[in-house]
């Protein structure tokens, strides 16, 4: 076989692999940088059954960001993590198929064809030794890792991820963590719903909680759904919060979820106290600072109480500035939050306007523009009483063809203004909404 034919054959085999390099993942740089922050906050504590998947995805992200050495390191750590978490008495197993596929691509991109071929041979050997239990379907380990990865990338992929999880669970029902991640993914898809999950998904969540009693993140998500249904579980929430505080800091610990439970019960002050207590115990934990900042945002921006004290606003500003510096590549929404907090302070409107103008001058992705326009529209309406300009920015948000909470929020605001007919632009809004196309 000629060198050219060998190259073509190798490339064809690589393209047929099931791994991150072939899953059509969004490689937008800002998206990858944000996702890198998310993965770092999950933590690497022992017993995390998704550690191998986390390292695999981190390796792929680092490669796409141009750091080949880091990618190689993370792929190696992923293989080792799988060997430790899959305690089957064997170092090799189907859980390594995706990892070897990633390594095969990395070697290929580095011009290391022999090493790439070696990884391909390892994938073939695993596929022969561990065929899928269901003919014409992928191995459940591949479905599970693919599902977990897609959940991290976008809302658009969540239904596909749910389908992959269901396929994996059907073939290998004893993997408790797959069932847990499946129902948590379904719950997250309804995060902005005021009424919570349907009865069928809530029942799946209850069963998953019974099967995975040590998973405090799942327990907090379940309480969140019960709170949305109006059930009285405050005492249970406080007990769970104490357990969460005793565990290592991680975005998988359930800490943010339990804070949201407190907010649903209207106990934002209690949420702030809990966040501050956690920070006292772990003063350098950036994830906890992010959680605490969120609690202050709820109190200052969304609470219907009297105007917040300046001391509280000062604490929130301090936290948000720190969070923005700790998350330089994923602080876009935090900058909007900080502008809105400034707007609530005694002399902060000028600072808020300055921050919004700086954001409006940025080159943003359509989804980010939509978030900014929606928030700026509300700021113009409630803080500056510039009603017509607010309408213009709600229109800007609505006409961006990205389906999201922020688009729907702007459309709802425009419909209310139109129906009241008190704003002189109501006819213009009526025409705009009539001509608005679905994304």
Protein backbone atom coordinates (compact mmCIF):
# COMPACT_ATOMS: atom_id res chain seq x y z
CA UNK A 1 0.00 0.00 0.00
CA UNK A 2 1.36 3.42 -0.94
CA UNK A 3 1.90 6.11 1.67
CA UNK A 4 -1.06 8.06 0.25
CA UNK A 5 -3.35 5.02 0.42
CA UNK A 6 -2.20 4.27 3.97
CA UNK A 7 -2.96 7.85 4.98
CA UNK A 8 -6.44 7.65 3.40
CA UNK A 9 -7.19 4.35 5.16
CA UNK A 10 -6.02 5.71 8.52
CA UNK A 11 -8.12 8.85 8.13
CA UNK A 12 -11.20 6.79 7.24
CA UNK A 13 -10.76 4.63 10.36
CA UNK A 14 -10.34 7.71 12.54
CA UNK A 15 -13.51 9.30 11.15
CA UNK A 16 -15.45 6.12 11.98
CA UNK A 17 -14.52 6.27 15.68
CA UNK A 18 -16.98 7.15 18.42
CA UNK A 19 -15.11 9.87 20.31
CA UNK A 20 -15.15 13.61 21.04
CA UNK A 21 -13.34 14.46 17.80
CA UNK A 22 -16.22 12.98 15.78
CA UNK A 23 -19.24 14.09 17.82
CA UNK A 24 -19.81 17.38 16.03
CA UNK A 25 -19.25 19.42 19.18
CA UNK A 26 -19.32 23.22 19.14
CA UNK A 27 -15.69 24.37 18.96
CA UNK A 28 -16.42 28.08 19.36
CA UNK A 29 -13.53 29.38 21.45
CA UNK A 30 -15.61 31.34 23.98
CA UNK A 31 -17.89 28.32 24.43
CA UNK A 32 -14.90 26.06 25.09
CA UNK A 33 -13.39 28.49 27.59
CA UNK A 34 -16.68 28.67 29.50
CA UNK A 35 -16.99 24.90 29.49
CA UNK A 36 -13.43 24.53 30.73
CA UNK A 37 -14.43 26.59 33.79
CA UNK A 38 -17.49 24.40 34.34
CA UNK A 39 -15.37 21.24 34.33
CA UNK A 40 -12.77 22.68 36.72
CA UNK A 41 -15.54 23.54 39.21
CA UNK A 42 -16.82 19.95 39.23
CA UNK A 43 -13.68 18.99 41.11
CA UNK A 44 -11.70 15.77 41.16
CA UNK A 45 -12.64 14.25 44.50
CA UNK A 46 -12.36 10.49 44.85
CA UNK A 47 -15.51 8.54 44.18
CA UNK A 48 -16.70 10.78 41.35
CA UNK A 49 -17.94 8.21 38.86
CA UNK A 50 -17.72 10.74 36.01
CA UNK A 51 -14.04 11.58 36.54
CA UNK A 52 -12.89 9.70 33.45
CA UNK A 53 -15.48 11.46 31.32
CA UNK A 54 -14.49 14.84 32.81
CA UNK A 55 -10.81 14.31 31.97
CA UNK A 56 -11.68 13.05 28.49
CA UNK A 57 -13.69 16.18 27.74
CA UNK A 58 -11.02 18.42 29.28
CA UNK A 59 -8.44 16.79 27.02
CA UNK A 60 -10.55 17.49 23.95
CA UNK A 61 -11.18 21.10 25.01
CA UNK A 62 -7.48 21.74 25.66
CA UNK A 63 -6.64 20.33 22.24
CA UNK A 64 -9.18 22.61 20.55
CA UNK A 65 -7.75 25.56 22.50
CA UNK A 66 -4.30 24.76 21.15
CA UNK A 67 -2.68 23.05 24.13
CA UNK A 68 -1.58 19.63 22.88
CA UNK A 69 0.51 18.79 25.95
CA UNK A 70 -2.43 19.45 28.27
CA UNK A 71 -4.68 17.38 26.01
CA UNK A 72 -2.25 14.45 26.15
CA UNK A 73 -2.04 14.74 29.95
CA UNK A 74 -5.82 14.79 30.42
CA UNK A 75 -6.38 11.81 28.11
CA UNK A 76 -3.84 9.84 30.17
CA UNK A 77 -5.56 10.89 33.40
CA UNK A 78 -8.91 9.87 31.93
CA UNK A 79 -7.66 6.35 31.18
CA UNK A 80 -6.33 6.02 34.73
CA UNK A 81 -9.55 7.39 36.23
CA UNK A 82 -11.62 4.83 34.32
CA UNK A 83 -9.37 2.03 35.56
CA UNK A 84 -9.90 3.19 39.15
CA UNK A 85 -13.66 3.78 38.99
CA UNK A 86 -14.52 0.66 36.98
CA UNK A 87 -13.40 -1.86 39.58
CA UNK A 88 -13.80 -5.03 37.56
CA UNK A 89 -10.39 -6.61 38.12
CA UNK A 90 -9.31 -5.68 34.60
CA UNK A 91 -7.38 -2.61 33.44
CA UNK A 92 -9.08 -2.76 30.05
CA UNK A 93 -12.76 -2.47 29.29
CA UNK A 94 -15.35 -0.90 26.96
CA UNK A 95 -15.22 2.35 28.96
CA UNK A 96 -11.83 3.03 27.30
CA UNK A 97 -13.12 2.96 23.70
CA UNK A 98 -13.80 6.71 23.59
CA UNK A 99 -10.52 7.49 25.33
CA UNK A 100 -8.46 5.43 22.89
CA UNK A 101 -10.35 7.08 20.03
CA UNK A 102 -9.43 10.52 21.36
CA UNK A 103 -5.81 9.47 21.73
CA UNK A 104 -5.77 8.07 18.19
CA UNK A 105 -6.86 11.44 16.81
CA UNK A 106 -4.36 13.33 18.97
CA UNK A 107 -1.46 11.18 17.76
CA UNK A 108 -2.64 11.60 14.17
CA UNK A 109 -2.74 15.38 14.46
CA UNK A 110 0.79 15.25 15.91
CA UNK A 111 2.05 13.24 12.94
CA UNK A 112 2.52 10.13 15.12
CA UNK A 113 0.90 7.61 12.76
CA UNK A 114 2.31 4.47 14.40
CA UNK A 115 0.94 5.50 17.80
CA UNK A 116 -2.39 6.42 16.18
CA UNK A 117 -2.59 2.96 14.57
CA UNK A 118 -1.80 1.38 17.94
CA UNK A 119 -4.74 3.20 19.56
CA UNK A 120 -7.02 2.12 16.69
CA UNK A 121 -5.95 -1.50 17.28
CA UNK A 122 -6.87 -1.13 20.96
CA UNK A 123 -10.33 0.15 20.02
CA UNK A 124 -10.83 -2.80 17.64
CA UNK A 125 -9.72 -5.27 20.32
CA UNK A 126 -12.15 -3.79 22.86
CA UNK A 127 -15.01 -3.84 20.38
CA UNK A 128 -14.34 -7.51 19.63
CA UNK A 129 -14.00 -8.47 23.30
CA UNK A 130 -16.94 -6.33 24.49
CA UNK A 131 -19.54 -6.20 21.71
CA UNK A 132 -22.66 -4.14 22.26
CA UNK A 133 -25.48 -6.13 23.93
CA UNK A 134 -27.83 -4.77 21.28
CA UNK A 135 -27.11 -5.37 17.62
CA UNK A 136 -26.91 -2.23 15.44
CA UNK A 137 -26.46 -0.01 18.50
CA UNK A 138 -23.39 1.45 20.14
CA UNK A 139 -21.99 -0.03 23.32
CA UNK A 140 -23.82 1.38 26.38
CA UNK A 141 -20.54 2.82 27.75
CA UNK A 142 -20.21 4.87 24.56
CA UNK A 143 -23.84 6.00 24.67
CA UNK A 144 -23.43 7.09 28.31
CA UNK A 145 -20.26 9.10 27.68
CA UNK A 146 -21.73 10.65 24.54
CA UNK A 147 -24.90 11.60 26.44
CA UNK A 148 -22.96 13.12 29.35
CA UNK A 149 -20.79 15.12 26.93
CA UNK A 150 -23.71 16.45 24.87
CA UNK A 151 -25.49 17.59 28.05
CA UNK A 152 -22.55 19.85 28.77
CA UNK A 153 -22.56 21.55 25.37
CA UNK A 154 -26.00 22.93 24.66
CA UNK A 155 -29.70 22.86 25.45
CA UNK A 156 -30.35 21.80 21.87
CA UNK A 157 -28.55 18.52 22.53
CA UNK A 158 -30.37 17.66 25.79
CA UNK A 159 -33.15 15.61 24.18
CA UNK A 160 -30.61 13.66 22.13
CA UNK A 161 -28.55 13.15 25.29
CA UNK A 162 -31.64 11.86 27.10
CA UNK A 163 -32.24 9.38 24.27
CA UNK A 164 -28.64 8.12 24.48
CA UNK A 165 -28.89 7.73 28.25
CA UNK A 166 -32.12 5.74 27.84
CA UNK A 167 -30.43 3.42 25.35
CA UNK A 168 -27.45 2.91 27.66
CA UNK A 169 -29.69 2.26 30.68
CA UNK A 170 -31.87 -0.18 28.75
CA UNK A 171 -28.81 -2.28 27.87
CA UNK A 172 -27.04 -1.89 31.24
CA UNK A 173 -29.62 -1.03 33.94
CA UNK A 174 -27.24 -1.62 36.86
CA UNK A 175 -25.30 1.63 36.24
CA UNK A 176 -26.91 3.84 38.87
CA UNK A 177 -24.93 6.98 37.91
CA UNK A 178 -26.34 6.83 34.37
CA UNK A 179 -29.91 6.87 35.69
CA UNK A 180 -29.06 9.74 38.02
CA UNK A 181 -27.49 11.84 35.26
CA UNK A 182 -30.41 11.06 32.96
CA UNK A 183 -33.05 12.42 35.34
CA UNK A 184 -30.89 15.39 36.38
CA UNK A 185 -30.51 16.24 32.69
CA UNK A 186 -34.29 16.10 32.24
CA UNK A 187 -34.76 18.34 35.29
CA UNK A 188 -32.24 20.88 33.99
CA UNK A 189 -34.15 21.09 30.73
CA UNK A 190 -37.06 22.54 32.76
CA UNK A 191 -34.89 24.79 34.96
CA UNK A 192 -36.80 27.96 34.03
CA UNK A 193 -40.23 26.38 34.51
CA UNK A 194 -42.25 27.82 37.41
CA UNK A 195 -44.36 24.69 37.82
CA UNK A 196 -41.54 22.15 37.68
CA UNK A 197 -41.46 18.71 36.12
CA UNK A 198 -44.30 16.55 34.92
CA UNK A 199 -45.44 13.70 37.17
CA UNK A 200 -43.68 11.05 35.06
CA UNK A 201 -40.24 12.70 35.23
CA UNK A 202 -40.69 13.52 38.92
CA UNK A 203 -41.40 9.84 39.59
CA UNK A 204 -38.23 8.87 37.68
CA UNK A 205 -36.33 11.31 39.85
CA UNK A 206 -37.78 9.84 43.03
CA UNK A 207 -36.75 6.33 41.99
CA UNK A 208 -33.27 7.51 41.00
CA UNK A 209 -32.93 9.15 44.43
CA UNK A 210 -33.82 5.85 46.11
CA UNK A 211 -31.20 4.02 44.05
CA UNK A 212 -28.53 6.68 44.58
CA UNK A 213 -29.10 7.83 48.20
CA UNK A 214 -25.59 9.27 48.64
CA UNK A 215 -25.95 11.65 45.70
CA UNK A 216 -26.70 14.96 47.42
CA UNK A 217 -26.87 16.85 44.12
CA UNK A 218 -29.76 14.63 43.03
CA UNK A 219 -31.40 15.01 46.44
CA UNK A 220 -31.21 18.81 46.20
CA UNK A 221 -32.62 18.78 42.65
CA UNK A 222 -35.50 16.60 43.84
CA UNK A 223 -36.29 18.98 46.72
CA UNK A 224 -36.22 21.83 44.22
CA UNK A 225 -38.96 20.15 42.20
CA UNK A 226 -41.04 19.47 45.31
CA UNK A 227 -40.67 23.12 46.33
CA UNK A 228 -41.96 24.23 42.93
CA UNK A 229 -44.99 22.01 43.51
CA UNK A 230 -45.62 23.86 46.78
CA UNK A 231 -44.73 20.97 49.10
CA UNK A 232 -43.47 21.75 52.61
CA UNK A 233 -39.92 20.41 52.84
CA UNK A 234 -38.02 23.30 54.47
CA UNK A 235 -36.78 21.15 57.37
CA UNK A 236 -35.58 18.49 54.95
CA UNK A 237 -33.80 21.20 52.92
CA UNK A 238 -31.98 22.52 56.01
CA UNK A 239 -30.88 19.01 56.98
CA UNK A 240 -29.61 18.37 53.44
CA UNK A 241 -27.76 21.71 53.44
CA UNK A 242 -25.78 20.65 56.54
CA UNK A 243 -24.76 17.42 54.81
CA UNK A 244 -23.68 19.29 51.68
CA UNK A 245 -21.56 21.69 53.73
CA UNK A 246 -19.61 18.75 55.15
CA UNK A 247 -18.65 17.49 51.69
CA UNK A 248 -15.79 18.71 49.44
CA UNK A 249 -16.50 21.84 47.38
CA UNK A 250 -17.80 20.90 43.93
CA UNK A 251 -20.45 22.04 41.50
CA UNK A 252 -21.70 18.43 41.77
CA UNK A 253 -22.11 18.74 45.55
CA UNK A 254 -25.65 20.10 45.31
CA UNK A 255 -24.76 23.41 46.97
CA UNK A 256 -26.17 25.73 44.31
CA UNK A 257 -29.24 23.51 43.97
CA UNK A 258 -30.01 23.74 47.71
CA UNK A 259 -29.60 27.53 47.57
CA UNK A 260 -32.22 27.56 44.80
CA UNK A 261 -34.52 25.55 47.06
CA UNK A 262 -34.18 28.24 49.72
CA UNK A 263 -34.98 30.88 47.14
CA UNK A 264 -38.11 29.00 46.04
CA UNK A 265 -39.32 29.01 49.66
CA UNK A 266 -38.64 32.74 49.85
CA UNK A 267 -35.75 32.25 52.28
CA UNK A 268 -33.11 34.25 50.40
CA UNK A 269 -31.64 35.64 53.64
CA UNK A 270 -31.13 32.08 54.81
CA UNK A 271 -29.47 31.23 51.48
CA UNK A 272 -27.09 34.16 51.94
CA UNK A 273 -26.21 33.00 55.45
CA UNK A 274 -25.52 29.49 54.17
CA UNK A 275 -23.33 30.79 51.34
CA UNK A 276 -21.36 33.00 53.69
CA UNK A 277 -20.88 30.10 56.12
CA UNK A 278 -19.55 27.93 53.29
CA UNK A 279 -17.14 30.72 52.32
CA UNK A 280 -15.90 30.98 55.90
CA UNK A 281 -15.04 27.27 55.75
CA UNK A 282 -13.46 27.52 52.26
CA UNK A 283 -12.43 31.18 51.75
CA UNK A 284 -10.49 30.50 48.52
CA UNK A 285 -13.13 28.39 46.76
CA UNK A 286 -14.09 30.37 43.65
CA UNK A 287 -17.20 28.24 43.05
CA UNK A 288 -18.58 29.19 46.48
CA UNK A 289 -17.89 32.86 45.75
CA UNK A 290 -19.91 32.46 42.57
CA UNK A 291 -22.77 30.88 44.55
CA UNK A 292 -22.69 33.62 47.17
CA UNK A 293 -22.74 36.31 44.48
CA UNK A 294 -25.83 34.64 43.00
CA UNK A 295 -27.63 34.79 46.35
CA UNK A 296 -26.95 38.52 46.69
CA UNK A 297 -28.24 39.04 43.15
CA UNK A 298 -31.51 37.33 44.12
CA UNK A 299 -31.85 39.54 47.18
CA UNK A 300 -30.96 42.84 45.49
CA UNK A 301 -32.48 42.47 42.03
CA UNK A 302 -35.39 40.05 42.40
CA UNK A 303 -36.54 40.48 46.00
CA UNK A 304 -39.72 42.49 46.52
CA UNK A 305 -38.51 43.74 49.88
CA UNK A 306 -37.69 47.38 50.51
CA UNK A 307 -34.62 48.85 48.82
CA UNK A 308 -31.56 46.85 49.98
CA UNK A 309 -29.06 48.42 52.37
CA UNK A 310 -25.97 49.95 50.82
CA UNK A 311 -23.80 47.59 52.90
CA UNK A 312 -25.44 44.61 51.19
CA UNK A 313 -24.94 46.17 47.77
CA UNK A 314 -21.28 46.84 48.61
CA UNK A 315 -20.80 43.17 49.59
CA UNK A 316 -22.45 42.04 46.36
CA UNK A 317 -20.29 44.38 44.25
CA UNK A 318 -17.16 43.11 45.99
CA UNK A 319 -18.12 39.49 45.37
CA UNK A 320 -19.04 40.06 41.74
CA UNK A 321 -15.78 41.87 41.00
CA UNK A 322 -13.89 38.95 42.49
CA UNK A 323 -15.94 36.36 40.58
CA UNK A 324 -15.38 38.22 37.30
CA UNK A 325 -11.62 38.18 37.91
CA UNK A 326 -11.71 34.45 38.80
CA UNK A 327 -13.75 33.56 35.69
CA UNK A 328 -12.25 35.89 33.05
CA UNK A 329 -13.50 33.78 30.14
CA UNK A 330 -17.00 33.06 31.43
CA UNK A 331 -18.02 36.27 33.16
CA UNK A 332 -20.27 37.83 30.52
CA UNK A 333 -23.53 37.27 32.42
CA UNK A 334 -21.81 38.22 35.68
CA UNK A 335 -20.95 41.63 34.19
CA UNK A 336 -24.63 42.15 33.39
CA UNK A 337 -25.54 41.14 36.94
CA UNK A 338 -23.01 43.60 38.35
CA UNK A 339 -24.42 46.42 36.20
CA UNK A 340 -27.91 45.62 37.50
CA UNK A 341 -26.65 45.63 41.10
CA UNK A 342 -24.96 49.00 40.59
CA UNK A 343 -28.30 50.31 39.29
CA UNK A 344 -29.87 49.52 42.69
CA UNK A 345 -27.27 51.44 44.70
CA UNK A 346 -27.65 55.03 45.87
CA UNK A 347 -25.37 56.56 43.25
CA UNK A 348 -24.79 53.68 40.86
CA UNK A 349 -26.90 54.45 37.77
CA UNK A 350 -24.03 56.12 35.94
CA UNK A 351 -21.76 53.13 36.63
CA UNK A 352 -24.49 50.72 35.51
CA UNK A 353 -24.98 52.64 32.27
CA UNK A 354 -21.24 52.70 31.65
CA UNK A 355 -21.03 48.92 32.08
CA UNK A 356 -23.98 48.33 29.76
CA UNK A 357 -22.49 50.60 27.08
CA UNK A 358 -19.19 48.71 27.27
CA UNK A 359 -21.04 45.43 26.81
CA UNK A 360 -23.12 46.82 23.93
CA UNK A 361 -19.93 47.76 22.12
CA UNK A 362 -18.55 44.23 22.34
CA UNK A 363 -18.60 41.77 19.48
CA UNK A 364 -20.92 39.08 20.82
CA UNK A 365 -22.45 35.84 19.64
CA UNK A 366 -26.19 36.05 18.80
CA UNK A 367 -27.20 34.19 21.98
CA UNK A 368 -25.12 36.58 24.10
CA UNK A 369 -26.58 39.60 22.28
CA UNK A 370 -30.03 38.30 23.10
CA UNK A 371 -29.22 38.01 26.82
CA UNK A 372 -27.75 41.51 26.82
CA UNK A 373 -30.62 43.16 24.93
CA UNK A 374 -33.24 41.51 27.16
CA UNK A 375 -31.47 42.63 30.34
CA UNK A 376 -30.79 46.12 29.03
CA UNK A 377 -34.45 46.48 28.05
CA UNK A 378 -35.55 45.68 31.61
CA UNK A 379 -32.92 47.99 33.07
CA UNK A 380 -34.13 50.84 30.81
CA UNK A 381 -37.71 50.24 31.84
CA UNK A 382 -37.37 49.75 35.60
CA UNK A 383 -34.29 51.80 36.47
CA UNK A 384 -34.33 54.64 33.93
CA UNK A 385 -38.04 54.75 33.03
CA UNK A 386 -37.09 55.01 29.34
CA UNK A 387 -40.11 53.05 28.10
CA UNK A 388 -39.73 53.49 24.34
CA UNK A 389 -36.04 52.67 24.33
CA UNK A 390 -36.84 49.61 26.44
CA UNK A 391 -39.34 48.46 23.80
CA UNK A 392 -36.67 48.84 21.11
CA UNK A 393 -34.28 46.55 22.96
CA UNK A 394 -36.97 43.97 23.70
CA UNK A 395 -37.57 43.93 19.94
CA UNK A 396 -33.84 43.50 19.30
CA UNK A 397 -33.79 40.51 21.67
CA UNK A 398 -36.93 38.96 20.15
CA UNK A 399 -35.79 39.21 16.54
CA UNK A 400 -32.57 37.26 17.15
CA UNK A 401 -33.45 33.73 15.91
CA UNK A 402 -32.23 31.84 18.97
CA UNK A 403 -34.84 29.99 21.02
CA UNK A 404 -34.24 30.82 24.69
CA UNK A 405 -35.75 31.99 27.95
CA UNK A 406 -34.57 35.54 27.20
CA UNK A 407 -36.27 35.68 23.79
CA UNK A 408 -39.54 34.41 25.28
CA UNK A 409 -39.22 36.88 28.14
CA UNK A 410 -38.88 39.81 25.73
CA UNK A 411 -41.79 38.59 23.59
CA UNK A 412 -43.97 38.29 26.71
CA UNK A 413 -43.01 41.84 27.76
CA UNK A 414 -43.89 43.18 24.31
CA UNK A 415 -47.24 41.40 24.29
CA UNK A 416 -48.15 42.90 27.68
CA UNK A 417 -47.26 46.41 26.46
CA UNK A 418 -49.30 45.87 23.29
CA UNK A 419 -52.34 44.57 25.17
CA UNK A 420 -52.34 47.49 27.64
CA UNK A 421 -52.23 49.99 24.73
CA UNK A 422 -50.81 52.69 27.03
CA UNK A 423 -47.49 53.00 25.24
CA UNK A 424 -47.64 55.05 22.04
CA UNK A 425 -45.65 52.29 20.30
CA UNK A 426 -48.31 49.62 20.83
CA UNK A 427 -49.34 49.49 17.14
CA UNK A 428 -45.70 49.21 16.10
CA UNK A 429 -45.30 46.36 18.59
CA UNK A 430 -48.41 44.67 17.19
CA UNK A 431 -47.00 44.72 13.66
CA UNK A 432 -43.59 43.58 14.90
CA UNK A 433 -45.03 40.57 16.75
CA UNK A 434 -47.25 39.63 13.81
CA UNK A 435 -44.21 39.51 11.53
CA UNK A 436 -41.91 37.82 14.01
CA UNK A 437 -40.63 34.50 12.71
CA UNK A 438 -39.93 31.42 14.79
CA UNK A 439 -36.23 30.52 15.02
